Amino acid sequence: MKKIEKKEQSSKNFDIPINASTIMKGYISEGNMNYYESRYDKALEFYQKAVEVDPNCAAAHHHMGLALRQLGKVEEAVISFRRALKIEPNHPLANNNMGLALCQLGQDEEALIYYNKAL
């Protein structure tokens, strides 16, 4: 995880420290809100920020892949799904979505491997 050098301000009403994990989860949440409103380009921006904060977060890479696929960037989506699966090989949604992306690219035999892992 990326270290936060300076102490960040907490909410005025709560004494809750803000750390890299909190920031990363916030970026994913913002990305999800945009994704579900079909603003895939904006969602992608937030997912990229989450990856910058924590490059070892499988969920952030997985969500990037989803947004990229929706934007028609299927080959880039496969790269993101591969990164997610390198971090968390048994991630069922990443395996399933990798299968979908590979099918879109006509790589049905490889897709079947990921579908089976998703089960």
C-alpha atoms as a PDB file:
ATOM      1  CA  MET A   1       0.000   0.000   0.000  1.00  0.00           C
ATOM      2  CA  LYS A   2       1.064   3.531  -0.662  1.00  0.00           C
ATOM      3  CA  LYS A   3       2.148   5.290   2.513  1.00  0.00           C
ATOM      4  CA  ILE A   4       0.508   8.551   3.408  1.00  0.00           C
ATOM      5  CA  GLU A   5       3.366  10.810   4.493  1.00  0.00           C
ATOM      6  CA  LYS A   6       1.480  13.556   6.264  1.00  0.00           C
ATOM      7  CA  LYS A   7      -1.258  13.130   8.813  1.00  0.00           C
ATOM      8  CA  GLU A   8      -4.554  13.655   7.070  1.00  0.00           C
ATOM      9  CA  GLN A   9      -7.445  15.468   8.671  1.00  0.00           C
ATOM     10  CA  SER A  10     -10.285  13.377   9.987  1.00  0.00           C
ATOM     11  CA  SER A  11     -13.920  14.356   9.855  1.00  0.00           C
ATOM     12  CA  LYS A  12     -14.769  17.227  12.222  1.00  0.00           C
ATOM     13  CA  ASN A  13     -17.390  15.107  13.977  1.00  0.00           C
ATOM     14  CA  PHE A  14     -15.401  11.904  14.310  1.00  0.00           C
ATOM     15  CA  ASP A  15     -11.903  11.048  15.358  1.00  0.00           C
ATOM     16  CA  ILE A  16     -11.346   8.394  12.698  1.00  0.00           C
ATOM     17  CA  PRO A  17      -7.894   8.327  11.110  1.00  0.00           C
ATOM     18  CA  ILE A  18      -7.804   8.346   7.335  1.00  0.00           C
ATOM     19  CA  ASN A  19      -5.359   5.831   5.892  1.00  0.00           C
ATOM     20  CA  ALA A  20      -4.519   4.443   2.466  1.00  0.00           C
ATOM     21  CA  SER A  21      -7.014   1.593   2.810  1.00  0.00           C
ATOM     22  CA  THR A  22      -9.835   4.026   3.576  1.00  0.00           C
ATOM     23  CA  ILE A  23      -8.874   6.197   0.615  1.00  0.00           C
ATOM     24  CA  MET A  24      -8.667   3.197  -1.726  1.00  0.00           C
ATOM     25  CA  LYS A  25     -12.083   1.920  -0.615  1.00  0.00           C
ATOM     26  CA  GLY A  26     -13.515   5.394  -1.140  1.00  0.00           C
ATOM     27  CA  TYR A  27     -12.197   5.469  -4.701  1.00  0.00           C
ATOM     28  CA  ILE A  28     -13.734   2.058  -5.403  1.00  0.00           C
ATOM     29  CA  SER A  29     -17.074   3.230  -3.955  1.00  0.00           C
ATOM     30  CA  GLU A  30     -17.015   6.377  -6.094  1.00  0.00           C
ATOM     31  CA  GLY A  31     -16.137   4.252  -9.098  1.00  0.00           C
ATOM     32  CA  ASN A  32     -19.022   1.893  -8.373  1.00  0.00           C
ATOM     33  CA  MET A  33     -21.515   4.752  -8.131  1.00  0.00           C
ATOM     34  CA  ASN A  34     -20.397   6.018 -11.532  1.00  0.00           C
ATOM     35  CA  TYR A  35     -20.336   2.509 -13.000  1.00  0.00           C
ATOM     36  CA  TYR A  36     -23.929   1.813 -11.965  1.00  0.00           C
ATOM     37  CA  GLU A  37     -24.966   5.110 -13.530  1.00  0.00           C
ATOM     38  CA  SER A  38     -23.291   3.992 -16.789  1.00  0.00           C
ATOM     39  CA  ARG A  39     -20.540   6.616 -16.513  1.00  0.00           C
ATOM     40  CA  TYR A  40     -17.856   4.064 -17.265  1.00  0.00           C
ATOM     41  CA  ASP A  41     -15.142   6.561 -18.149  1.00  0.00           C
ATOM     42  CA  LYS A  42     -15.565   8.353 -14.820  1.00  0.00           C
ATOM     43  CA  ALA A  43     -15.733   5.018 -12.978  1.00  0.00           C
ATOM     44  CA  LEU A  44     -12.463   4.009 -14.628  1.00  0.00           C
ATOM     45  CA  GLU A  45     -10.788   7.179 -13.327  1.00  0.00           C
ATOM     46  CA  PHE A  46     -11.728   6.273  -9.747  1.00  0.00           C
ATOM     47  CA  TYR A  47     -10.658   2.643 -10.141  1.00  0.00           C
ATOM     48  CA  GLN A  48      -7.296   3.823 -11.505  1.00  0.00           C
ATOM     49  CA  LYS A  49      -6.877   6.040  -8.441  1.00  0.00           C
ATOM     50  CA  ALA A  50      -7.635   3.051  -6.212  1.00  0.00           C
ATOM     51  CA  VAL A  51      -4.923   1.038  -7.990  1.00  0.00           C
ATOM     52  CA  GLU A  52      -2.470   3.909  -7.526  1.00  0.00           C
ATOM     53  CA  VAL A  53      -3.126   3.847  -3.781  1.00  0.00           C
ATOM     54  CA  ASP A  54      -2.944   0.043  -3.551  1.00  0.00           C
ATOM     55  CA  PRO A  55      -1.596  -1.767  -6.615  1.00  0.00           C
ATOM     56  CA  ASN A  56      -2.141  -5.090  -4.807  1.00  0.00           C
ATOM     57  CA  CYS A  57      -5.907  -4.707  -4.498  1.00  0.00           C
ATOM     58  CA  ALA A  58      -7.542  -7.400  -6.629  1.00  0.00           C
ATOM     59  CA  ALA A  59     -10.951  -5.707  -6.375  1.00  0.00           C
ATOM     60  CA  ALA A  60      -9.625  -2.448  -7.843  1.00  0.00           C
ATOM     61  CA  HIS A  61      -8.093  -4.274 -10.826  1.00  0.00           C
ATOM     62  CA  HIS A  62     -11.275  -6.312 -11.277  1.00  0.00           C
ATOM     63  CA  HIS A  63     -13.452  -3.203 -11.308  1.00  0.00           C
ATOM     64  CA  MET A  64     -11.075  -1.534 -13.770  1.00  0.00           C
ATOM     65  CA  GLY A  65     -11.567  -4.522 -16.036  1.00  0.00           C
ATOM     66  CA  LEU A  66     -15.341  -4.190 -15.824  1.00  0.00           C
ATOM     67  CA  ALA A  67     -15.232  -0.506 -16.755  1.00  0.00           C
ATOM     68  CA  LEU A  68     -12.771  -1.102 -19.586  1.00  0.00           C
ATOM     69  CA  ARG A  69     -14.965  -3.865 -21.017  1.00  0.00           C
ATOM     70  CA  GLN A  70     -17.996  -1.573 -20.937  1.00  0.00           C
ATOM     71  CA  LEU A  71     -15.940   1.058 -22.780  1.00  0.00           C
ATOM     72  CA  GLY A  72     -15.187  -1.492 -25.504  1.00  0.00           C
ATOM     73  CA  LYS A  73     -11.534  -1.852 -24.457  1.00  0.00           C
ATOM     74  CA  VAL A  74     -11.754  -5.608 -24.075  1.00  0.00           C
ATOM     75  CA  GLU A  75      -8.039  -6.350 -24.514  1.00  0.00           C
ATOM     76  CA  GLU A  76      -7.206  -3.826 -21.777  1.00  0.00           C
ATOM     77  CA  ALA A  77      -9.934  -5.370 -19.622  1.00  0.00           C
ATOM     78  CA  VAL A  78      -8.248  -8.763 -19.944  1.00  0.00           C
ATOM     79  CA  ILE A  79      -5.008  -7.208 -18.673  1.00  0.00           C
ATOM     80  CA  SER A  80      -6.834  -5.834 -15.620  1.00  0.00           C
ATOM     81  CA  PHE A  81      -8.566  -9.149 -14.950  1.00  0.00           C
ATOM     82  CA  ARG A  82      -5.200 -10.944 -15.222  1.00  0.00           C
ATOM     83  CA  ARG A  83      -3.729  -8.523 -12.668  1.00  0.00           C
ATOM     84  CA  ALA A  84      -6.649  -9.140 -10.312  1.00  0.00           C
ATOM     85  CA  LEU A  85      -6.247 -12.901 -10.694  1.00  0.00           C
ATOM     86  CA  LYS A  86      -2.497 -12.747 -10.148  1.00  0.00           C
ATOM     87  CA  ILE A  87      -3.248 -11.181  -6.759  1.00  0.00           C
ATOM     88  CA  GLU A  88      -6.273 -13.328  -5.933  1.00  0.00           C
ATOM     89  CA  PRO A  89      -6.385 -16.412  -8.207  1.00  0.00           C
ATOM     90  CA  ASN A  90      -9.676 -17.747  -6.824  1.00  0.00           C
ATOM     91  CA  HIS A  91     -11.631 -14.483  -7.151  1.00  0.00           C
ATOM     92  CA  PRO A  92     -14.890 -15.891  -8.606  1.00  0.00           C
ATOM     93  CA  LEU A  93     -16.131 -12.682 -10.238  1.00  0.00           C
ATOM     94  CA  ALA A  94     -12.753 -11.884 -11.780  1.00  0.00           C
ATOM     95  CA  ASN A  95     -12.571 -15.423 -13.168  1.00  0.00           C
ATOM     96  CA  ASN A  96     -16.092 -15.171 -14.571  1.00  0.00           C
ATOM     97  CA  ASN A  97     -15.498 -11.748 -16.109  1.00  0.00           C
ATOM     98  CA  MET A  98     -12.183 -12.892 -17.550  1.00  0.00           C
ATOM     99  CA  GLY A  99     -14.123 -15.671 -19.252  1.00  0.00           C
ATOM    100  CA  LEU A 100     -16.627 -13.181 -20.647  1.00  0.00           C
ATOM    101  CA  ALA A 101     -13.892 -10.893 -21.974  1.00  0.00           C
ATOM    102  CA  LEU A 102     -12.031 -13.785 -23.573  1.00  0.00           C
ATOM    103  CA  CYS A 103     -15.248 -14.929 -25.264  1.00  0.00           C
ATOM    104  CA  GLN A 104     -15.671 -11.422 -26.654  1.00  0.00           C
ATOM    105  CA  LEU A 105     -12.183 -11.794 -28.135  1.00  0.00           C
ATOM    106  CA  GLY A 106     -13.056 -15.197 -29.623  1.00  0.00           C
ATOM    107  CA  GLN A 107     -10.811 -17.108 -27.214  1.00  0.00           C
ATOM    108  CA  ASP A 108     -13.478 -19.585 -26.136  1.00  0.00           C
ATOM    109  CA  GLU A 109     -11.179 -22.415 -25.051  1.00  0.00           C
ATOM    110  CA  GLU A 110      -9.202 -20.190 -22.680  1.00  0.00           C
ATOM    111  CA  ALA A 111     -12.458 -18.614 -21.486  1.00  0.00           C
ATOM    112  CA  LEU A 112     -13.742 -22.038 -20.437  1.00  0.00           C
ATOM    113  CA  ILE A 113     -10.784 -22.423 -18.066  1.00  0.00           C
ATOM    114  CA  TYR A 114     -11.765 -19.216 -16.259  1.00  0.00           C
ATOM    115  CA  TYR A 115     -15.465 -20.092 -16.203  1.00  0.00           C
ATOM    116  CA  ASN A 116     -14.576 -23.386 -14.510  1.00  0.00           C
ATOM    117  CA  LYS A 117     -12.442 -21.551 -11.934  1.00  0.00           C
ATOM    118  CA  ALA A 118     -15.384 -19.260 -11.201  1.00  0.00           C
ATOM    119  CA  LEU A 119     -17.566 -22.196 -10.122  1.00  0.00           C
END
